[in-house]
Amino acid sequence: MFSLFGNKDKPEDLPAERGPLGVAIGGAVEIDILSLHADAAGATPGMALPEGGSFIVVAFGEARLDGETVLSRYYDEDDRLLQTLSATGRPGDAIQDISLYSSWDSVVPAGRAEWDRWSGPSGLIGQPSYDADGILFERYWGEGTGRAELVEFVEDVDDGHRKRAIHQTCMLYARPLGATQEMLLINIERDIAERASREGGSVEFMLGYGLSPADVRRV
């Protein structure tokens, strides 16, 4: 059928919906953090609790963690990421876990000895606890009293202009914060295409908080 508007509304021209939230790059979600603020009332977070409202997606990342779990990440321009876990990562998939992380700190180790201090066999990352300038976090992943192996996966990240494969080496810590938990994700990233050194360029620290799927709505 002839259309006065040509082909601009063809389905293949529409932005692709990404992840279980079905949000395209350039799209937005509305985040309600009232429950988080209520649960953390009276406690002292590592930094100011995140604000709610619109979260504009500027990039999307995805990684298969195992045969039953896909990690999907929505990034905004303020160095925040909204992370979900689901069975397939497809739009509409049931969300098993959802959390919001913000960048907290970054360290650039100088040389092999410094890298070993962080991620070597006896390194700080992976120990049963981590003292972040007087704030003590307990390891969330891994069992036992010794150092746990770090979690590794490759995340494919797309910002709509460029696609990157990022090798991630990380460990998750947590501590009680009122009626909820504050999570500390310590992560070493390596851009595979750029052939960075095996250790990665920096150690990144992100603070995060669990949300309910009902707290996040596509707009």
N, C-alpha and C. Protein backbone atom coordinates (compact mmCIF):
# COMPACT_ATOMS: atom_id res chain seq x y z
N MET A 1 0.86 -1.20 0.00
CA MET A 1 0.00 0.00 0.00
C MET A 1 0.89 1.24 0.00
N PHE A 2 0.48 2.25 -0.80
CA PHE A 2 1.23 3.49 -0.87
C PHE A 2 1.10 4.26 0.44
N SER A 3 2.22 4.84 0.90
CA SER A 3 2.20 5.61 2.14
C SER A 3 2.78 7.00 1.88
N LEU A 4 2.09 8.01 2.35
CA LEU A 4 2.59 9.37 2.22
C LEU A 4 3.88 9.58 3.01
N PHE A 5 4.11 8.71 3.97
CA PHE A 5 5.26 8.88 4.85
C PHE A 5 6.40 7.92 4.52
N GLY A 6 6.38 7.32 3.36
CA GLY A 6 7.47 6.45 2.94
C GLY A 6 7.62 5.25 3.85
N ASN A 7 8.88 4.89 4.11
CA ASN A 7 9.15 3.68 4.88
C ASN A 7 9.67 3.96 6.28
N LYS A 8 9.54 5.17 6.75
CA LYS A 8 10.19 5.49 8.01
C LYS A 8 9.60 4.72 9.19
N ASP A 9 8.39 4.18 9.04
CA ASP A 9 7.78 3.46 10.15
C ASP A 9 7.92 1.96 10.01
N LYS A 10 8.78 1.51 9.10
CA LYS A 10 9.00 0.07 8.98
C LYS A 10 9.56 -0.46 10.29
N PRO A 11 9.13 -1.65 10.75
CA PRO A 11 9.59 -2.19 12.03
C PRO A 11 11.09 -2.27 12.13
N GLU A 12 11.78 -2.58 10.98
CA GLU A 12 13.24 -2.74 11.08
C GLU A 12 13.95 -1.41 11.32
N ASP A 13 13.25 -0.28 11.15
CA ASP A 13 13.86 1.02 11.39
C ASP A 13 13.72 1.47 12.84
N LEU A 14 12.90 0.78 13.62
CA LEU A 14 12.70 1.15 15.01
C LEU A 14 13.89 0.70 15.85
N PRO A 15 14.24 1.46 16.90
CA PRO A 15 15.36 1.05 17.76
C PRO A 15 15.09 -0.31 18.39
N ALA A 16 16.12 -1.12 18.47
CA ALA A 16 15.96 -2.46 19.04
C ALA A 16 15.71 -2.38 20.54
N GLU A 17 14.73 -3.16 21.00
CA GLU A 17 14.48 -3.24 22.44
C GLU A 17 15.51 -4.17 23.05
N ARG A 18 16.11 -3.75 24.15
CA ARG A 18 17.22 -4.50 24.74
C ARG A 18 16.86 -5.03 26.12
N GLY A 19 17.29 -6.26 26.38
CA GLY A 19 17.19 -6.84 27.70
C GLY A 19 15.77 -7.07 28.17
N PRO A 20 15.61 -7.62 29.38
CA PRO A 20 14.28 -7.94 29.89
C PRO A 20 13.38 -6.74 30.09
N LEU A 21 13.98 -5.54 30.26
CA LEU A 21 13.15 -4.33 30.40
C LEU A 21 12.65 -3.83 29.05
N GLY A 22 13.23 -4.34 27.96
CA GLY A 22 12.79 -3.94 26.63
C GLY A 22 13.04 -2.48 26.33
N VAL A 23 14.18 -1.92 26.77
CA VAL A 23 14.48 -0.51 26.58
C VAL A 23 15.53 -0.35 25.50
N ALA A 24 15.27 0.52 24.53
CA ALA A 24 16.23 0.79 23.46
C ALA A 24 17.28 1.78 23.92
N ILE A 25 18.42 1.80 23.24
CA ILE A 25 19.42 2.84 23.48
C ILE A 25 18.80 4.18 23.11
N GLY A 26 18.87 5.13 24.03
CA GLY A 26 18.18 6.40 23.85
C GLY A 26 16.83 6.42 24.54
N GLY A 27 16.35 5.26 24.95
CA GLY A 27 15.10 5.17 25.68
C GLY A 27 15.31 5.45 27.16
N ALA A 28 14.22 5.35 27.93
CA ALA A 28 14.30 5.71 29.34
C ALA A 28 13.49 4.77 30.20
N VAL A 29 13.89 4.67 31.45
CA VAL A 29 13.10 3.99 32.47
C VAL A 29 12.90 4.96 33.62
N GLU A 30 11.86 4.78 34.35
CA GLU A 30 11.57 5.56 35.54
C GLU A 30 11.88 4.70 36.75
N ILE A 31 12.72 5.20 37.65
CA ILE A 31 13.14 4.44 38.82
C ILE A 31 12.54 5.06 40.07
N ASP A 32 11.85 4.25 40.85
CA ASP A 32 11.25 4.69 42.11
C ASP A 32 12.12 4.15 43.25
N ILE A 33 12.76 5.05 43.99
CA ILE A 33 13.66 4.60 45.05
C ILE A 33 13.10 4.93 46.45
N LEU A 34 11.78 5.17 46.56
CA LEU A 34 11.18 5.48 47.85
C LEU A 34 11.37 4.33 48.84
N SER A 35 11.20 3.10 48.36
CA SER A 35 11.36 1.93 49.25
C SER A 35 12.80 1.81 49.72
N LEU A 36 13.75 2.06 48.83
CA LEU A 36 15.15 2.00 49.21
C LEU A 36 15.46 3.03 50.29
N HIS A 37 15.02 4.25 50.10
CA HIS A 37 15.28 5.29 51.09
C HIS A 37 14.62 4.96 52.43
N ALA A 38 13.43 4.35 52.39
CA ALA A 38 12.76 3.97 53.63
C ALA A 38 13.53 2.86 54.34
N ASP A 39 14.01 1.87 53.58
CA ASP A 39 14.74 0.75 54.18
C ASP A 39 16.08 1.19 54.76
N ALA A 40 16.69 2.22 54.16
CA ALA A 40 18.00 2.68 54.62
C ALA A 40 17.90 3.83 55.62
N ALA A 41 16.70 4.18 56.04
CA ALA A 41 16.51 5.30 56.95
C ALA A 41 17.32 5.11 58.23
N GLY A 42 18.04 6.14 58.63
CA GLY A 42 18.81 6.10 59.87
C GLY A 42 20.20 5.53 59.72
N ALA A 43 20.51 4.92 58.57
CA ALA A 43 21.83 4.34 58.33
C ALA A 43 22.70 5.34 57.56
N THR A 44 23.99 5.05 57.53
CA THR A 44 24.93 5.94 56.84
C THR A 44 25.52 5.23 55.63
N PRO A 45 25.08 5.56 54.42
CA PRO A 45 25.61 4.91 53.23
C PRO A 45 27.01 5.42 52.90
N GLY A 46 27.71 4.67 52.03
CA GLY A 46 29.06 5.08 51.64
C GLY A 46 29.08 6.39 50.89
N MET A 47 28.02 6.67 50.15
CA MET A 47 27.82 7.96 49.51
C MET A 47 26.32 8.19 49.44
N ALA A 48 25.92 9.35 49.02
CA ALA A 48 24.49 9.67 49.00
C ALA A 48 23.71 8.61 48.22
N LEU A 49 22.57 8.22 48.76
CA LEU A 49 21.73 7.24 48.06
C LEU A 49 21.30 7.80 46.71
N PRO A 50 21.10 6.91 45.74
CA PRO A 50 20.74 7.40 44.40
C PRO A 50 19.39 8.09 44.39
N GLU A 51 19.26 9.02 43.47
CA GLU A 51 17.99 9.71 43.28
C GLU A 51 17.14 8.92 42.29
N GLY A 52 15.83 9.03 42.45
CA GLY A 52 14.93 8.37 41.52
C GLY A 52 14.68 9.24 40.31
N GLY A 53 13.70 8.85 39.51
CA GLY A 53 13.36 9.61 38.33
C GLY A 53 13.82 8.93 37.06
N SER A 54 14.00 9.74 36.02
CA SER A 54 14.32 9.19 34.70
C SER A 54 15.76 8.72 34.61
N PHE A 55 15.95 7.58 33.99
CA PHE A 55 17.26 6.99 33.72
C PHE A 55 17.33 6.81 32.21
N ILE A 56 18.13 7.66 31.53
CA ILE A 56 18.23 7.62 30.08
C ILE A 56 19.33 6.64 29.67
N VAL A 57 19.00 5.67 28.88
CA VAL A 57 19.94 4.63 28.50
C VAL A 57 20.83 5.10 27.35
N VAL A 58 22.15 5.14 27.58
CA VAL A 58 23.09 5.55 26.54
C VAL A 58 23.90 4.36 26.02
N ALA A 59 23.84 3.23 26.72
CA ALA A 59 24.53 2.03 26.26
C ALA A 59 23.90 0.82 26.93
N PHE A 60 24.09 -0.33 26.30
CA PHE A 60 23.53 -1.58 26.82
C PHE A 60 24.59 -2.66 26.76
N GLY A 61 24.70 -3.44 27.83
CA GLY A 61 25.65 -4.54 27.87
C GLY A 61 24.97 -5.84 28.25
N GLU A 62 25.54 -6.94 27.77
CA GLU A 62 24.95 -8.25 28.06
C GLU A 62 26.05 -9.30 28.17
N ALA A 63 25.86 -10.24 29.10
CA ALA A 63 26.80 -11.35 29.26
C ALA A 63 26.03 -12.56 29.75
N ARG A 64 26.36 -13.73 29.21
CA ARG A 64 25.78 -14.98 29.71
C ARG A 64 26.68 -15.50 30.82
N LEU A 65 26.13 -15.59 32.03
CA LEU A 65 26.92 -16.03 33.18
C LEU A 65 27.00 -17.55 33.26
N ASP A 66 25.91 -18.23 32.91
CA ASP A 66 25.88 -19.69 32.86
C ASP A 66 24.71 -20.09 31.98
N GLY A 67 24.37 -21.37 31.96
CA GLY A 67 23.31 -21.84 31.09
C GLY A 67 21.93 -21.34 31.45
N GLU A 68 21.78 -20.77 32.65
CA GLU A 68 20.46 -20.36 33.12
C GLU A 68 20.35 -18.88 33.45
N THR A 69 21.43 -18.13 33.30
CA THR A 69 21.41 -16.74 33.74
C THR A 69 22.09 -15.81 32.74
N VAL A 70 21.38 -14.75 32.36
CA VAL A 70 21.93 -13.69 31.50
C VAL A 70 21.96 -12.40 32.30
N LEU A 71 23.11 -11.75 32.30
CA LEU A 71 23.27 -10.44 32.93
C LEU A 71 23.04 -9.37 31.88
N SER A 72 22.14 -8.43 32.16
CA SER A 72 21.86 -7.31 31.26
C SER A 72 22.11 -6.01 32.01
N ARG A 73 22.82 -5.09 31.36
CA ARG A 73 23.15 -3.83 32.01
C ARG A 73 22.76 -2.64 31.13
N TYR A 74 22.06 -1.70 31.74
CA TYR A 74 21.69 -0.44 31.08
C TYR A 74 22.54 0.66 31.71
N TYR A 75 23.25 1.44 30.87
CA TYR A 75 24.14 2.49 31.35
C TYR A 75 23.55 3.86 31.04
N ASP A 76 23.82 4.83 31.95
CA ASP A 76 23.44 6.21 31.64
C ASP A 76 24.70 7.08 31.61
N GLU A 77 24.55 8.36 31.31
CA GLU A 77 25.70 9.25 31.13
C GLU A 77 26.30 9.70 32.46
N ASP A 78 25.71 9.30 33.59
CA ASP A 78 26.22 9.70 34.90
C ASP A 78 26.99 8.56 35.57
N ASP A 79 27.53 7.64 34.77
CA ASP A 79 28.32 6.52 35.29
C ASP A 79 27.52 5.63 36.23
N ARG A 80 26.23 5.50 35.94
CA ARG A 80 25.40 4.57 36.68
C ARG A 80 25.05 3.40 35.77
N LEU A 81 24.77 2.25 36.39
CA LEU A 81 24.27 1.12 35.61
C LEU A 81 23.12 0.46 36.35
N LEU A 82 22.11 0.10 35.59
CA LEU A 82 20.96 -0.63 36.09
C LEU A 82 21.13 -2.07 35.61
N GLN A 83 21.29 -2.98 36.54
CA GLN A 83 21.65 -4.35 36.21
C GLN A 83 20.52 -5.31 36.51
N THR A 84 20.25 -6.23 35.58
CA THR A 84 19.23 -7.25 35.78
C THR A 84 19.82 -8.63 35.52
N LEU A 85 19.25 -9.62 36.17
CA LEU A 85 19.54 -11.02 35.90
C LEU A 85 18.24 -11.69 35.48
N SER A 86 18.29 -12.46 34.40
CA SER A 86 17.12 -13.16 33.90
C SER A 86 17.56 -14.44 33.21
N ALA A 87 16.60 -15.24 32.79
CA ALA A 87 16.93 -16.53 32.18
C ALA A 87 17.45 -16.40 30.77
N THR A 88 16.88 -15.48 29.98
CA THR A 88 17.26 -15.37 28.57
C THR A 88 17.73 -13.98 28.16
N GLY A 89 17.41 -12.95 28.95
CA GLY A 89 17.77 -11.58 28.59
C GLY A 89 16.88 -10.98 27.52
N ARG A 90 15.80 -11.65 27.16
CA ARG A 90 14.92 -11.12 26.12
C ARG A 90 13.88 -10.17 26.71
N PRO A 91 13.36 -9.22 25.91
CA PRO A 91 12.32 -8.31 26.40
C PRO A 91 11.14 -9.07 26.98
N GLY A 92 10.71 -8.66 28.16
CA GLY A 92 9.59 -9.30 28.82
C GLY A 92 9.95 -10.48 29.68
N ASP A 93 11.22 -10.90 29.65
CA ASP A 93 11.67 -12.02 30.47
C ASP A 93 11.48 -11.69 31.95
N ALA A 94 11.15 -12.69 32.76
CA ALA A 94 11.00 -12.47 34.20
C ALA A 94 12.35 -12.09 34.80
N ILE A 95 12.36 -11.04 35.60
CA ILE A 95 13.59 -10.55 36.21
C ILE A 95 13.82 -11.25 37.54
N GLN A 96 14.97 -11.90 37.66
CA GLN A 96 15.32 -12.61 38.89
C GLN A 96 15.93 -11.67 39.93
N ASP A 97 16.65 -10.66 39.45
CA ASP A 97 17.32 -9.74 40.37
C ASP A 97 17.54 -8.43 39.61
N ILE A 98 17.40 -7.30 40.32
CA ILE A 98 17.64 -6.00 39.70
C ILE A 98 18.30 -5.09 40.72
N SER A 99 19.31 -4.34 40.29
CA SER A 99 20.05 -3.46 41.20
C SER A 99 20.57 -2.25 40.44
N LEU A 100 20.85 -1.19 41.20
CA LEU A 100 21.33 0.06 40.63
C LEU A 100 22.69 0.36 41.24
N TYR A 101 23.70 0.56 40.38
CA TYR A 101 25.08 0.84 40.83
C TYR A 101 25.52 2.22 40.36
N SER A 102 26.36 2.85 41.19
CA SER A 102 26.97 4.12 40.84
C SER A 102 28.47 4.04 41.07
N SER A 103 29.22 4.74 40.23
CA SER A 103 30.68 4.76 40.38
C SER A 103 31.06 5.43 41.69
N TRP A 104 31.99 4.81 42.44
CA TRP A 104 32.38 5.31 43.76
C TRP A 104 33.85 5.74 43.78
N ASP A 105 34.71 4.93 43.20
CA ASP A 105 36.14 5.23 43.24
C ASP A 105 36.84 4.46 42.13
N SER A 106 38.09 4.81 41.87
CA SER A 106 38.89 4.14 40.85
C SER A 106 40.35 4.20 41.25
N VAL A 107 41.08 3.11 41.04
CA VAL A 107 42.50 3.04 41.36
C VAL A 107 43.24 2.53 40.13
N VAL A 108 44.36 3.17 39.79
CA VAL A 108 45.19 2.73 38.68
C VAL A 108 46.51 2.19 39.26
N PRO A 109 46.63 0.88 39.41
CA PRO A 109 47.86 0.32 39.96
C PRO A 109 49.05 0.59 39.03
N ALA A 110 50.20 0.82 39.63
CA ALA A 110 51.41 1.11 38.86
C ALA A 110 52.35 -0.10 38.91
N GLY A 111 52.33 -0.91 37.88
CA GLY A 111 53.27 -2.01 37.78
C GLY A 111 52.74 -3.32 38.31
N ARG A 112 53.51 -4.39 38.04
CA ARG A 112 53.09 -5.75 38.39
C ARG A 112 52.89 -5.94 39.89
N ALA A 113 53.78 -5.40 40.70
CA ALA A 113 53.65 -5.57 42.15
C ALA A 113 52.34 -4.99 42.67
N GLU A 114 51.95 -3.83 42.16
CA GLU A 114 50.69 -3.23 42.58
C GLU A 114 49.50 -4.06 42.12
N TRP A 115 49.59 -4.58 40.89
CA TRP A 115 48.50 -5.43 40.41
C TRP A 115 48.38 -6.69 41.25
N ASP A 116 49.49 -7.28 41.62
CA ASP A 116 49.46 -8.47 42.47
C ASP A 116 48.85 -8.16 43.82
N ARG A 117 49.08 -6.97 44.32
CA ARG A 117 48.49 -6.57 45.60
C ARG A 117 46.96 -6.59 45.52
N TRP A 118 46.42 -6.23 44.36
CA TRP A 118 44.98 -6.21 44.20
C TRP A 118 44.40 -7.55 43.76
N SER A 119 44.99 -8.16 42.73
CA SER A 119 44.36 -9.33 42.12
C SER A 119 45.25 -10.57 42.05
N GLY A 120 46.40 -10.55 42.68
CA GLY A 120 47.26 -11.72 42.69
C GLY A 120 46.70 -12.83 43.58
N PRO A 121 47.42 -13.94 43.72
CA PRO A 121 46.94 -15.09 44.51
C PRO A 121 46.58 -14.73 45.96
N SER A 122 47.24 -13.72 46.51
CA SER A 122 46.93 -13.28 47.87
C SER A 122 46.38 -11.85 47.87
N GLY A 123 45.83 -11.43 46.74
CA GLY A 123 45.39 -10.06 46.57
C GLY A 123 44.21 -9.66 47.43
N LEU A 124 43.99 -8.35 47.50
CA LEU A 124 42.91 -7.80 48.31
C LEU A 124 41.53 -8.19 47.77
N ILE A 125 41.39 -8.22 46.46
CA ILE A 125 40.09 -8.54 45.87
C ILE A 125 39.87 -10.05 45.97
N GLY A 126 38.79 -10.44 46.62
CA GLY A 126 38.49 -11.86 46.82
C GLY A 126 38.67 -12.31 48.25
N GLN A 127 39.26 -11.47 49.11
CA GLN A 127 39.39 -11.81 50.52
C GLN A 127 38.01 -11.82 51.18
N PRO A 128 37.87 -12.49 52.34
CA PRO A 128 36.55 -12.58 52.99
C PRO A 128 35.92 -11.24 53.34
N SER A 129 36.74 -10.21 53.54
CA SER A 129 36.19 -8.88 53.82
C SER A 129 37.05 -7.84 53.12
N TYR A 130 36.49 -6.66 52.98
CA TYR A 130 37.23 -5.56 52.35
C TYR A 130 36.95 -4.29 53.13
N ASP A 131 38.02 -3.63 53.57
CA ASP A 131 37.92 -2.38 54.31
C ASP A 131 38.10 -1.22 53.34
N ALA A 132 37.01 -0.51 53.08
CA ALA A 132 37.05 0.63 52.16
C ALA A 132 37.11 1.91 52.98
N ASP A 133 38.33 2.32 53.34
CA ASP A 133 38.52 3.55 54.12
C ASP A 133 37.66 3.56 55.38
N GLY A 134 37.69 2.44 56.10
CA GLY A 134 36.97 2.36 57.36
C GLY A 134 35.56 1.81 57.27
N ILE A 135 35.06 1.58 56.06
CA ILE A 135 33.75 0.96 55.87
C ILE A 135 33.99 -0.51 55.53
N LEU A 136 33.54 -1.41 56.39
CA LEU A 136 33.85 -2.83 56.23
C LEU A 136 32.73 -3.56 55.48
N PHE A 137 33.11 -4.22 54.40
CA PHE A 137 32.19 -5.02 53.59
C PHE A 137 32.60 -6.49 53.71
N GLU A 138 31.61 -7.37 53.72
CA GLU A 138 31.86 -8.82 53.74
C GLU A 138 31.62 -9.39 52.34
N ARG A 139 32.42 -10.38 52.01
CA ARG A 139 32.30 -10.98 50.67
C ARG A 139 30.92 -11.60 50.47
N TYR A 140 30.32 -11.31 49.32
CA TYR A 140 28.97 -11.80 48.99
C TYR A 140 29.03 -13.08 48.16
N TRP A 141 30.06 -13.20 47.32
CA TRP A 141 30.25 -14.39 46.50
C TRP A 141 31.36 -15.24 47.09
N GLY A 142 31.19 -16.57 47.02
CA GLY A 142 32.25 -17.46 47.46
C GLY A 142 32.11 -17.84 48.92
N GLU A 143 32.55 -19.05 49.24
CA GLU A 143 32.45 -19.56 50.60
C GLU A 143 33.84 -19.80 51.17
N GLY A 144 33.89 -20.04 52.48
CA GLY A 144 35.16 -20.35 53.12
C GLY A 144 35.82 -19.11 53.70
N THR A 145 36.91 -19.36 54.42
CA THR A 145 37.61 -18.28 55.11
C THR A 145 38.81 -17.75 54.33
N GLY A 146 39.17 -18.44 53.25
CA GLY A 146 40.29 -17.99 52.43
C GLY A 146 39.83 -17.10 51.30
N ARG A 147 40.78 -16.71 50.49
CA ARG A 147 40.47 -15.87 49.34
C ARG A 147 39.69 -16.68 48.31
N ALA A 148 38.62 -16.10 47.76
CA ALA A 148 37.80 -16.77 46.75
C ALA A 148 38.27 -16.39 45.35
N GLU A 149 38.06 -17.29 44.41
CA GLU A 149 38.37 -16.99 43.02
C GLU A 149 37.47 -15.87 42.51
N LEU A 150 38.02 -14.97 41.73
CA LEU A 150 37.23 -13.87 41.18
C LEU A 150 36.33 -14.39 40.06
N VAL A 151 35.20 -13.71 39.87
CA VAL A 151 34.24 -14.07 38.84
C VAL A 151 34.68 -13.41 37.53
N GLU A 152 34.67 -14.17 36.43
CA GLU A 152 35.10 -13.64 35.14
C GLU A 152 34.01 -13.88 34.09
N PHE A 153 33.81 -12.90 33.24
CA PHE A 153 32.89 -13.05 32.11
C PHE A 153 33.21 -11.96 31.10
N VAL A 154 32.69 -12.11 29.89
CA VAL A 154 32.85 -11.10 28.84
C VAL A 154 31.50 -10.44 28.59
N GLU A 155 31.49 -9.12 28.70
CA GLU A 155 30.27 -8.35 28.48
C GLU A 155 30.36 -7.66 27.12
N ASP A 156 29.35 -7.86 26.29
CA ASP A 156 29.27 -7.18 25.00
C ASP A 156 28.47 -5.90 25.19
N VAL A 157 29.13 -4.76 24.95
CA VAL A 157 28.53 -3.45 25.21
C VAL A 157 28.32 -2.71 23.89
N ASP A 158 27.14 -2.14 23.74
CA ASP A 158 26.76 -1.41 22.52
C ASP A 158 26.21 -0.05 22.92
N ASP A 159 26.80 1.03 22.36
CA ASP A 159 26.27 2.37 22.64
C ASP A 159 25.52 2.95 21.45
N GLY A 160 25.21 2.11 20.48
CA GLY A 160 24.51 2.56 19.29
C GLY A 160 25.43 3.00 18.17
N HIS A 161 26.70 3.23 18.50
CA HIS A 161 27.69 3.63 17.50
C HIS A 161 28.85 2.65 17.43
N ARG A 162 29.14 2.05 18.55
CA ARG A 162 30.30 1.18 18.66
C ARG A 162 29.98 -0.01 19.56
N LYS A 163 30.48 -1.18 19.17
CA LYS A 163 30.32 -2.37 19.99
C LYS A 163 31.68 -2.79 20.53
N ARG A 164 31.69 -3.14 21.82
CA ARG A 164 32.93 -3.53 22.48
C ARG A 164 32.72 -4.82 23.25
N ALA A 165 33.76 -5.64 23.34
CA ALA A 165 33.77 -6.84 24.17
C ALA A 165 34.67 -6.54 25.36
N ILE A 166 34.10 -6.52 26.56
CA ILE A 166 34.83 -6.14 27.76
C ILE A 166 34.99 -7.36 28.66
N HIS A 167 36.24 -7.74 28.91
CA HIS A 167 36.51 -8.83 29.85
C HIS A 167 36.42 -8.28 31.27
N GLN A 168 35.60 -8.93 32.09
CA GLN A 168 35.38 -8.47 33.45
C GLN A 168 35.95 -9.49 34.44
N THR A 169 36.67 -9.00 35.44
CA THR A 169 37.15 -9.81 36.56
C THR A 169 36.70 -9.09 37.82
N CYS A 170 35.85 -9.71 38.63
CA CYS A 170 35.22 -8.94 39.70
C CYS A 170 34.89 -9.77 40.93
N MET A 171 34.56 -9.07 42.00
CA MET A 171 34.07 -9.68 43.23
C MET A 171 33.05 -8.73 43.85
N LEU A 172 32.02 -9.31 44.45
CA LEU A 172 30.95 -8.53 45.07
C LEU A 172 31.03 -8.67 46.59
N TYR A 173 30.93 -7.52 47.26
CA TYR A 173 30.88 -7.45 48.72
C TYR A 173 29.58 -6.75 49.14
N ALA A 174 29.22 -6.90 50.41
CA ALA A 174 27.99 -6.25 50.89
C ALA A 174 28.11 -5.99 52.39
N ARG A 175 27.27 -5.06 52.85
CA ARG A 175 27.18 -4.79 54.29
C ARG A 175 25.75 -4.36 54.60
N PRO A 176 25.27 -4.59 55.83
CA PRO A 176 23.92 -4.17 56.19
C PRO A 176 23.81 -2.65 56.15
N LEU A 177 22.66 -2.18 55.69
CA LEU A 177 22.38 -0.75 55.66
C LEU A 177 20.91 -0.59 56.04
N GLY A 178 20.66 -0.45 57.34
CA GLY A 178 19.29 -0.44 57.82
C GLY A 178 18.63 -1.77 57.53
N ALA A 179 17.49 -1.74 56.84
CA ALA A 179 16.77 -2.96 56.50
C ALA A 179 17.16 -3.50 55.13
N THR A 180 18.17 -2.90 54.50
CA THR A 180 18.61 -3.36 53.18
C THR A 180 20.11 -3.64 53.22
N GLN A 181 20.74 -3.73 52.07
CA GLN A 181 22.18 -3.94 51.98
C GLN A 181 22.80 -2.93 51.02
N GLU A 182 24.02 -2.55 51.33
CA GLU A 182 24.81 -1.76 50.40
C GLU A 182 25.84 -2.70 49.79
N MET A 183 25.91 -2.74 48.47
CA MET A 183 26.80 -3.68 47.79
C MET A 183 27.98 -2.93 47.19
N LEU A 184 29.14 -3.54 47.30
CA LEU A 184 30.36 -2.99 46.72
C LEU A 184 30.86 -3.95 45.65
N LEU A 185 30.83 -3.50 44.40
CA LEU A 185 31.34 -4.29 43.29
C LEU A 185 32.73 -3.78 42.94
N ILE A 186 33.73 -4.65 43.08
CA ILE A 186 35.11 -4.30 42.73
C ILE A 186 35.41 -5.01 41.42
N ASN A 187 35.78 -4.24 40.41
CA ASN A 187 35.85 -4.78 39.05
C ASN A 187 37.11 -4.33 38.32
N ILE A 188 37.73 -5.28 37.62
CA ILE A 188 38.84 -4.98 36.71
C ILE A 188 38.33 -5.24 35.30
N GLU A 189 38.48 -4.26 34.41
CA GLU A 189 37.96 -4.37 33.05
C GLU A 189 39.11 -4.38 32.04
N ARG A 190 38.91 -5.16 30.98
CA ARG A 190 39.89 -5.16 29.89
C ARG A 190 39.15 -5.15 28.56
N ASP A 191 39.40 -4.14 27.74
CA ASP A 191 38.79 -4.05 26.42
C ASP A 191 39.54 -5.00 25.50
N ILE A 192 38.88 -6.09 25.11
CA ILE A 192 39.55 -7.13 24.34
C ILE A 192 40.07 -6.59 23.00
N ALA A 193 39.28 -5.78 22.32
CA ALA A 193 39.67 -5.28 21.00
C ALA A 193 40.90 -4.40 21.07
N GLU A 194 41.06 -3.66 22.15
CA GLU A 194 42.19 -2.75 22.26
C GLU A 194 43.45 -3.43 22.77
N ARG A 195 43.35 -4.73 23.07
CA ARG A 195 44.50 -5.51 23.50
C ARG A 195 45.23 -4.87 24.67
N ALA A 196 44.46 -4.48 25.65
CA ALA A 196 45.05 -3.91 26.85
C ALA A 196 45.85 -4.99 27.57
N SER A 197 46.65 -4.58 28.53
CA SER A 197 47.44 -5.55 29.29
C SER A 197 46.51 -6.51 30.01
N ARG A 198 47.01 -7.66 30.36
CA ARG A 198 46.16 -8.69 30.94
C ARG A 198 45.54 -8.23 32.26
N GLU A 199 46.21 -7.30 32.96
CA GLU A 199 45.69 -6.88 34.25
C GLU A 199 44.51 -5.91 34.12
N GLY A 200 44.40 -5.20 33.03
CA GLY A 200 43.36 -4.20 32.89
C GLY A 200 43.92 -2.83 33.21
N GLY A 201 43.18 -1.80 32.91
CA GLY A 201 43.67 -0.45 33.09
C GLY A 201 43.47 0.11 34.48
N SER A 202 42.45 -0.36 35.20
CA SER A 202 42.16 0.22 36.51
C SER A 202 41.29 -0.74 37.32
N VAL A 203 41.24 -0.47 38.62
CA VAL A 203 40.33 -1.18 39.52
C VAL A 203 39.17 -0.23 39.80
N GLU A 204 37.97 -0.64 39.44
CA GLU A 204 36.79 0.21 39.59
C GLU A 204 35.95 -0.25 40.79
N PHE A 205 35.45 0.71 41.54
CA PHE A 205 34.61 0.43 42.71
C PHE A 205 33.23 1.05 42.46
N MET A 206 32.20 0.24 42.61
CA MET A 206 30.83 0.72 42.42
C MET A 206 29.98 0.33 43.62
N LEU A 207 29.16 1.27 44.10
CA LEU A 207 28.22 0.99 45.18
C LEU A 207 26.84 0.77 44.58
N GLY A 208 26.15 -0.26 45.08
CA GLY A 208 24.85 -0.58 44.51
C GLY A 208 23.84 -0.99 45.56
N TYR A 209 22.58 -0.99 45.15
CA TYR A 209 21.47 -1.32 46.03
C TYR A 209 20.44 -2.12 45.26
N GLY A 210 19.91 -3.14 45.90
CA GLY A 210 18.88 -3.94 45.27
C GLY A 210 17.57 -3.19 45.16
N LEU A 211 16.87 -3.43 44.06
CA LEU A 211 15.54 -2.85 43.84
C LEU A 211 14.55 -3.97 43.62
N SER A 212 13.30 -3.62 43.58
CA SER A 212 12.24 -4.55 43.18
C SER A 212 11.91 -4.29 41.72
N PRO A 213 11.59 -5.33 40.94
CA PRO A 213 11.18 -5.08 39.55
C PRO A 213 10.06 -4.05 39.44
N ALA A 214 9.20 -3.97 40.48
CA ALA A 214 8.11 -3.00 40.45
C ALA A 214 8.61 -1.57 40.60
N ASP A 215 9.87 -1.40 41.05
CA ASP A 215 10.43 -0.05 41.22
C ASP A 215 10.92 0.54 39.89
N VAL A 216 10.96 -0.26 38.84
CA VAL A 216 11.51 0.18 37.56
C VAL A 216 10.45 0.02 36.47
N ARG A 217 10.22 1.09 35.74
CA ARG A 217 9.17 1.08 34.71
C ARG A 217 9.68 1.72 33.43
N ARG A 218 9.51 1.04 32.31
CA ARG A 218 9.90 1.63 31.03
C ARG A 218 8.94 2.76 30.68
N VAL A 219 9.49 3.87 30.13
CA VAL A 219 8.63 5.01 29.75
C VAL A 219 8.84 5.33 28.29
